[in-house]
Amino acid sequence: MGKALKELDMLIIGGGPAGLTAAIYGARARLHLLLLENQIVGGQVRSSYTIENYPGFKSIDGNALADLMREQAVDLGAEIDEFDNVLKVTLNDDEKIIETENYIYKAKTLIIATGATPKKLPIVSENKFSGKGIHYCAVCDGAIYGDGTVAVVGGGNSALEEALFLSKFAAKVIMIRRFDYFRGEKATLEELINNPKVEVMYNWDLVDVKGDNFVNKAIIKHTSTEEKKEIALDAVFGYIGTEPKTDLFKDYIKLNKQGYVLTDENMATNIKGVFAAGDVREKQFRQITTAVADGTIAALAAEKYISELNRK
């Protein structure tokens, strides 16, 4: 028996802040829409222990913010389907077909809000120790290293914020930074530097990790002198950037060299009726607030596109 075909005004792929915001605006416009998420709705927001840069909240837990966004979208009439993987898409100016494990959807508009995933640490033993001392989510895995020593590799806001979070559990947090500067916000960096549990190792790079069943040492190299040494620790958390989730769309949507979706200022892609929002887009800043702005614009642009279609 074949899969049921469902027709929609708007289909949103991805349930992070961008996708949820698009769902809120689409539902307010009384569009027949569906948001698809292959995991739990909320995206990377759920991996943030505390959010202090979202307007309206001096401080809010990432899970709480994600739950509020979801509740608002559903209350407005948005339909959300979690844990239904998208298998393939067929996209052109006239037709948008999305096939999942359970259904086939035909949508007038598509909003790609699939986000990005953390880049793997480029070390030989990454695969061997993944989940056994190499991690990419402090909120998910940090608590198991209570009273231990952990390292954070990276130089942006995510690395700084996760190091601060880890300091709530670990006896010591070592920041391994290959340059002599960070790219994060000044206030966050100052908090990190003033944290007595944190040691910053400037101009050092992670070469590899060692251990039996679990990580117990890291091999690091000085980027100027090329001196190598081993340091004892229990885990390494990597925050060296992200990779966009665009494999499904690469045959149809124009991407940049890094795989991020190219859009105009209205979040429109090279295909009519297909928009992109959030971390999956090519842009300079990736924050919750910029994702929310993208989702707003994408939904409004999609609603305008549908109105023009209906007038034809």
Protein backbone atom coordinates (compact mmCIF):
# COMPACT_ATOMS: atom_id res chain seq x y z
CA MET A 1 0.00 0.00 0.00
CA GLY A 2 1.44 3.39 -1.01
CA LYS A 3 2.00 6.33 1.27
CA ALA A 4 -0.83 8.83 1.70
CA LEU A 5 -0.44 12.15 -0.14
CA LYS A 6 -1.09 15.29 1.85
CA GLU A 7 -1.33 18.77 0.31
CA LEU A 8 -0.23 21.80 2.33
CA ASP A 9 0.17 25.53 2.01
CA MET A 10 3.48 25.47 3.86
CA LEU A 11 5.89 22.76 4.93
CA ILE A 12 8.69 23.61 7.35
CA ILE A 13 11.60 21.21 7.74
CA GLY A 14 13.38 21.78 11.05
CA GLY A 15 12.07 22.56 14.51
CA GLY A 16 14.61 24.95 15.95
CA PRO A 17 13.92 28.63 16.68
CA ALA A 18 13.79 29.49 12.95
CA GLY A 19 11.35 26.73 12.11
CA LEU A 20 9.16 27.32 15.16
CA THR A 21 8.98 31.05 14.46
CA ALA A 22 8.01 30.35 10.86
CA ALA A 23 5.29 28.03 12.18
CA ILE A 24 4.01 30.75 14.53
CA TYR A 25 3.74 33.31 11.73
CA GLY A 26 2.34 30.82 9.25
CA ALA A 27 -0.31 29.70 11.72
CA ARG A 28 -1.24 33.32 12.45
CA ALA A 29 -1.77 33.76 8.71
CA ARG A 30 -4.18 30.79 8.84
CA LEU A 31 -2.07 28.73 6.48
CA HIS A 32 -2.43 24.96 6.38
CA LEU A 33 1.05 24.09 7.52
CA LEU A 34 3.15 21.32 8.98
CA LEU A 35 6.49 21.45 10.75
CA LEU A 36 8.63 18.32 10.39
CA GLU A 37 11.41 17.58 12.88
CA ASN A 38 13.36 14.31 12.92
CA GLN A 39 14.26 14.72 16.59
CA ILE A 40 12.77 16.69 19.49
CA VAL A 41 11.52 20.14 18.55
CA GLY A 42 13.78 22.89 19.83
CA GLY A 43 17.04 22.36 17.98
CA GLN A 44 20.33 23.55 19.45
CA VAL A 45 18.47 25.77 21.91
CA ARG A 46 17.89 22.66 24.02
CA SER A 47 21.64 22.23 24.44
CA SER A 48 21.92 25.67 26.05
CA TYR A 49 21.81 25.45 29.83
CA THR A 50 21.17 29.16 30.31
CA ILE A 51 20.26 31.79 27.71
CA GLU A 52 20.92 35.39 28.68
CA ASN A 53 20.81 37.19 25.33
CA TYR A 54 17.21 36.59 24.25
CA PRO A 55 15.07 39.76 24.56
CA GLY A 56 12.37 39.57 27.20
CA PHE A 57 14.20 37.07 29.39
CA LYS A 58 17.08 38.10 31.63
CA SER A 59 17.86 34.41 31.91
CA ILE A 60 16.01 31.34 30.70
CA ASP A 61 16.77 27.63 30.42
CA GLY A 62 17.12 26.45 26.80
CA ASN A 63 14.56 23.68 27.23
CA ALA A 64 12.08 26.13 28.73
CA LEU A 65 12.44 28.56 25.83
CA ALA A 66 12.03 25.76 23.27
CA ASP A 67 8.91 24.50 25.06
CA LEU A 68 7.39 27.99 25.08
CA MET A 69 8.02 28.41 21.36
CA ARG A 70 6.47 25.03 20.60
CA GLU A 71 3.44 25.73 22.81
CA GLN A 72 2.84 29.07 21.12
CA ALA A 73 3.01 27.53 17.63
CA VAL A 74 0.63 24.69 18.52
CA ASP A 75 -1.83 26.99 20.29
CA LEU A 76 -2.02 29.08 17.12
CA GLY A 77 -2.90 26.00 15.08
CA ALA A 78 0.43 24.78 13.73
CA GLU A 79 0.78 21.03 13.27
CA ILE A 80 4.09 19.52 14.38
CA ASP A 81 5.30 16.04 13.52
CA GLU A 82 8.39 14.82 15.37
CA PHE A 83 10.57 11.80 14.55
CA ASP A 84 9.43 11.44 10.93
CA ASN A 85 12.57 11.50 8.80
CA VAL A 86 12.55 13.17 5.40
CA LEU A 87 13.79 10.63 2.85
CA LYS A 88 13.93 12.75 -0.28
CA VAL A 89 12.67 15.93 -1.88
CA THR A 90 11.82 17.00 -5.43
CA LEU A 91 11.90 20.75 -5.84
CA ASN A 92 11.24 23.06 -8.76
CA ASP A 93 9.43 26.33 -9.40
CA ASP A 94 6.12 24.57 -9.95
CA GLU A 95 6.17 21.72 -7.45
CA LYS A 96 7.55 20.87 -4.01
CA ILE A 97 7.33 17.19 -3.12
CA ILE A 98 8.67 15.95 0.22
CA GLU A 99 8.66 12.26 1.08
CA THR A 100 9.05 11.08 4.66
CA GLU A 101 9.02 7.62 6.18
CA ASN A 102 5.24 7.88 6.62
CA TYR A 103 3.81 10.31 4.06
CA ILE A 104 4.30 12.18 0.81
CA TYR A 105 3.66 15.91 1.05
CA LYS A 106 2.92 18.34 -1.75
CA ALA A 107 3.39 21.90 -0.54
CA LYS A 108 2.90 25.29 -2.14
CA THR A 109 5.88 26.59 -0.16
CA LEU A 110 8.80 25.02 1.66
CA ILE A 111 10.89 26.57 4.42
CA ILE A 112 14.24 24.88 5.01
CA ALA A 113 15.22 25.34 8.66
CA THR A 114 17.32 22.24 9.18
CA GLY A 115 20.11 24.04 11.03
CA ALA A 116 23.67 22.83 11.41
CA THR A 117 25.54 20.20 13.41
CA PRO A 118 28.85 20.50 15.29
CA LYS A 119 31.97 19.69 13.30
CA LYS A 120 33.84 16.62 14.47
CA LEU A 121 37.25 17.13 16.03
CA PRO A 122 39.87 16.44 13.32
CA ILE A 123 41.84 13.86 15.29
CA VAL A 124 42.65 10.22 14.56
CA SER A 125 40.91 8.85 17.66
CA GLU A 126 37.65 10.79 17.28
CA ASN A 127 35.62 7.79 16.19
CA LYS A 128 37.15 5.45 18.79
CA PHE A 129 36.34 7.74 21.72
CA SER A 130 33.13 9.37 20.51
CA GLY A 131 30.82 9.26 23.52
CA LYS A 132 33.66 7.86 25.62
CA GLY A 133 35.43 11.08 26.40
CA ILE A 134 34.84 13.03 23.19
CA HIS A 135 31.62 15.03 23.20
CA TYR A 136 29.91 17.94 21.49
CA CYS A 137 27.18 18.84 23.97
CA ALA A 138 28.06 19.96 27.49
CA VAL A 139 24.43 20.06 28.60
CA CYS A 140 23.95 16.48 27.42
CA ASP A 141 27.13 14.95 28.79
CA GLY A 142 28.85 17.40 31.14
CA ALA A 143 27.31 16.18 34.39
CA ILE A 144 28.96 12.75 34.14
CA TYR A 145 32.36 14.41 34.62
CA GLY A 146 31.61 15.91 38.02
CA ASP A 147 34.83 16.56 39.95
CA GLY A 148 36.88 15.60 36.88
CA THR A 149 39.06 17.54 34.44
CA VAL A 150 37.65 18.36 31.03
CA ALA A 151 38.90 20.33 28.04
CA VAL A 152 37.03 22.54 25.61
CA VAL A 153 38.36 23.09 22.09
CA GLY A 154 37.14 26.17 20.24
CA GLY A 155 37.18 29.93 20.16
CA GLY A 156 33.66 31.22 19.61
CA ASN A 157 30.69 31.95 21.85
CA SER A 158 29.59 28.32 21.94
CA ALA A 159 32.97 27.21 23.27
CA LEU A 160 33.01 29.94 25.91
CA GLU A 161 29.45 29.27 27.06
CA GLU A 162 29.95 25.52 27.23
CA ALA A 163 33.17 25.92 29.22
CA LEU A 164 31.30 28.04 31.74
CA PHE A 165 28.56 25.44 31.95
CA LEU A 166 31.09 22.64 32.46
CA SER A 167 32.70 24.57 35.29
CA LYS A 168 29.50 23.96 37.28
CA PHE A 169 30.39 20.25 37.42
CA ALA A 170 34.07 19.69 36.67
CA ALA A 171 36.87 20.40 39.10
CA LYS A 172 38.83 21.97 36.27
CA VAL A 173 38.10 23.14 32.72
CA ILE A 174 40.97 23.60 30.27
CA MET A 175 40.36 25.82 27.25
CA ILE A 176 42.57 24.64 24.39
CA ARG A 177 42.77 27.57 21.98
CA ARG A 178 44.99 27.40 18.89
CA PHE A 179 45.24 31.20 18.64
CA ASP A 180 45.99 33.94 21.17
CA TYR A 181 42.46 35.36 21.04
CA PHE A 182 38.79 34.36 21.17
CA ARG A 183 35.96 35.39 18.86
CA GLY A 184 33.24 35.38 21.51
CA GLU A 185 31.38 38.17 23.25
CA LYS A 186 33.50 40.28 25.57
CA ALA A 187 31.22 39.81 28.60
CA THR A 188 31.27 36.02 28.23
CA LEU A 189 35.04 35.98 27.78
CA GLU A 190 35.57 38.11 30.89
CA GLU A 191 33.38 35.75 32.91
CA LEU A 192 35.40 32.80 31.66
CA ILE A 193 38.79 34.34 32.39
CA ASN A 194 37.69 35.29 35.90
CA ASN A 195 36.39 31.79 36.63
CA PRO A 196 38.84 30.13 39.05
CA LYS A 197 38.04 26.67 37.66
CA VAL A 198 39.06 27.57 34.11
CA GLU A 199 42.58 27.50 32.67
CA VAL A 200 43.08 29.01 29.20
CA MET A 201 45.88 27.56 27.08
CA TYR A 202 46.49 30.02 24.25
CA ASN A 203 48.37 28.91 21.12
CA TRP A 204 47.87 25.21 21.78
CA ASP A 205 46.13 22.79 19.44
CA LEU A 206 44.60 19.38 20.11
CA VAL A 207 46.53 16.68 18.25
CA ASP A 208 44.84 13.55 19.59
CA VAL A 209 43.54 11.81 22.71
CA LYS A 210 44.65 8.61 24.46
CA GLY A 211 43.10 6.05 26.77
CA ASP A 212 41.99 2.46 27.08
CA ASN A 213 38.19 2.34 26.92
CA PHE A 214 37.79 6.01 27.80
CA VAL A 215 39.84 9.15 27.28
CA ASN A 216 42.41 9.84 30.01
CA LYS A 217 44.94 12.06 28.21
CA ALA A 218 45.11 14.66 25.47
CA ILE A 219 48.09 15.26 23.21
CA ILE A 220 48.51 18.96 22.44
CA LYS A 221 50.97 20.94 20.33
CA HIS A 222 52.09 24.55 20.63
CA THR A 223 51.24 26.35 17.40
CA SER A 224 54.42 28.46 17.43
CA THR A 225 57.15 26.28 18.94
CA GLU A 226 55.56 22.95 17.87
CA GLU A 227 56.32 21.57 21.33
CA LYS A 228 54.16 18.54 22.10
CA LYS A 229 53.00 17.35 25.50
CA GLU A 230 50.35 15.23 27.16
CA ILE A 231 47.86 16.49 29.72
CA ALA A 232 45.71 14.30 31.96
CA LEU A 233 41.96 14.79 31.62
CA ASP A 234 38.69 12.90 31.50
CA ALA A 235 36.97 14.36 28.44
CA VAL A 236 37.25 16.76 25.52
CA PHE A 237 34.31 18.83 24.27
CA GLY A 238 34.60 20.14 20.73
CA TYR A 239 33.16 23.47 19.51
CA ILE A 240 35.09 24.20 16.32
CA GLY A 241 32.21 25.26 14.14
CA THR A 242 29.20 23.72 12.45
CA GLU A 243 28.23 21.98 9.23
CA PRO A 244 24.86 22.72 7.60
CA LYS A 245 22.30 19.97 7.15
CA THR A 246 21.74 20.43 3.43
CA ASP A 247 22.41 17.03 1.84
CA LEU A 248 18.72 16.60 1.01
CA PHE A 249 18.63 19.81 -1.00
CA LYS A 250 22.02 20.02 -2.72
CA ASP A 251 20.68 18.83 -6.09
CA TYR A 252 18.13 21.64 -6.20
CA ILE A 253 19.16 24.54 -3.98
CA LYS A 254 22.18 26.78 -4.56
CA LEU A 255 24.71 26.39 -1.75
CA ASN A 256 28.00 28.09 -0.97
CA LYS A 257 31.31 26.21 -0.80
CA GLN A 258 30.67 25.26 2.83
CA GLY A 259 27.22 23.88 2.00
CA TYR A 260 25.12 26.71 3.47
CA VAL A 261 21.98 27.78 1.60
CA LEU A 262 22.20 30.98 -0.43
CA THR A 263 19.20 33.28 -0.03
CA ASP A 264 18.24 36.88 -0.70
CA GLU A 265 17.16 39.29 2.06
CA ASN A 266 13.67 37.76 1.99
CA MET A 267 15.07 34.27 2.70
CA ALA A 268 14.17 33.19 -0.87
CA THR A 269 16.33 30.56 -2.54
CA ASN A 270 16.91 30.03 -6.26
CA ILE A 271 13.63 28.07 -6.48
CA LYS A 272 10.34 29.95 -6.37
CA GLY A 273 8.39 29.18 -3.21
CA VAL A 274 11.36 27.68 -1.38
CA PHE A 275 12.85 29.66 1.50
CA ALA A 276 15.56 29.02 4.08
CA ALA A 277 15.93 30.29 7.64
CA GLY A 278 18.30 29.99 10.57
CA ASP A 279 21.72 28.40 10.86
CA VAL A 280 21.35 26.55 7.57
CA ARG A 281 21.69 29.86 5.70
CA GLU A 282 24.88 31.59 4.63
CA LYS A 283 25.24 34.54 7.02
CA GLN A 284 27.73 36.18 9.33
CA PHE A 285 26.00 35.77 12.70
CA ARG A 286 24.26 32.68 14.04
CA GLN A 287 22.29 33.47 17.18
CA ILE A 288 18.82 32.56 18.46
CA THR A 289 17.66 36.08 17.67
CA THR A 290 18.92 35.95 14.08
CA ALA A 291 17.25 32.56 13.60
CA VAL A 292 13.96 33.96 14.88
CA ALA A 293 14.28 36.94 12.52
CA ASP A 294 14.95 34.60 9.59
CA GLY A 295 11.92 32.49 10.46
CA THR A 296 9.72 35.57 10.62
CA ILE A 297 10.85 36.85 7.23
CA ALA A 298 10.65 33.43 5.57
CA ALA A 299 7.07 32.85 6.76
CA LEU A 300 5.90 36.32 5.71
CA ALA A 301 7.56 35.95 2.32
CA ALA A 302 6.02 32.50 1.89
CA GLU A 303 2.57 33.81 2.82
CA LYS A 304 2.96 36.57 0.22
CA TYR A 305 4.02 34.02 -2.37
CA ILE A 306 0.94 31.89 -1.66
CA SER A 307 -1.33 34.93 -1.92
CA GLU A 308 0.12 35.72 -5.33
CA LEU A 309 -0.36 32.09 -6.42
CA ASN A 310 -4.00 32.18 -5.35
CA ARG A 311 -4.63 35.33 -7.39
CA LYS A 312 -3.45 33.68 -10.58
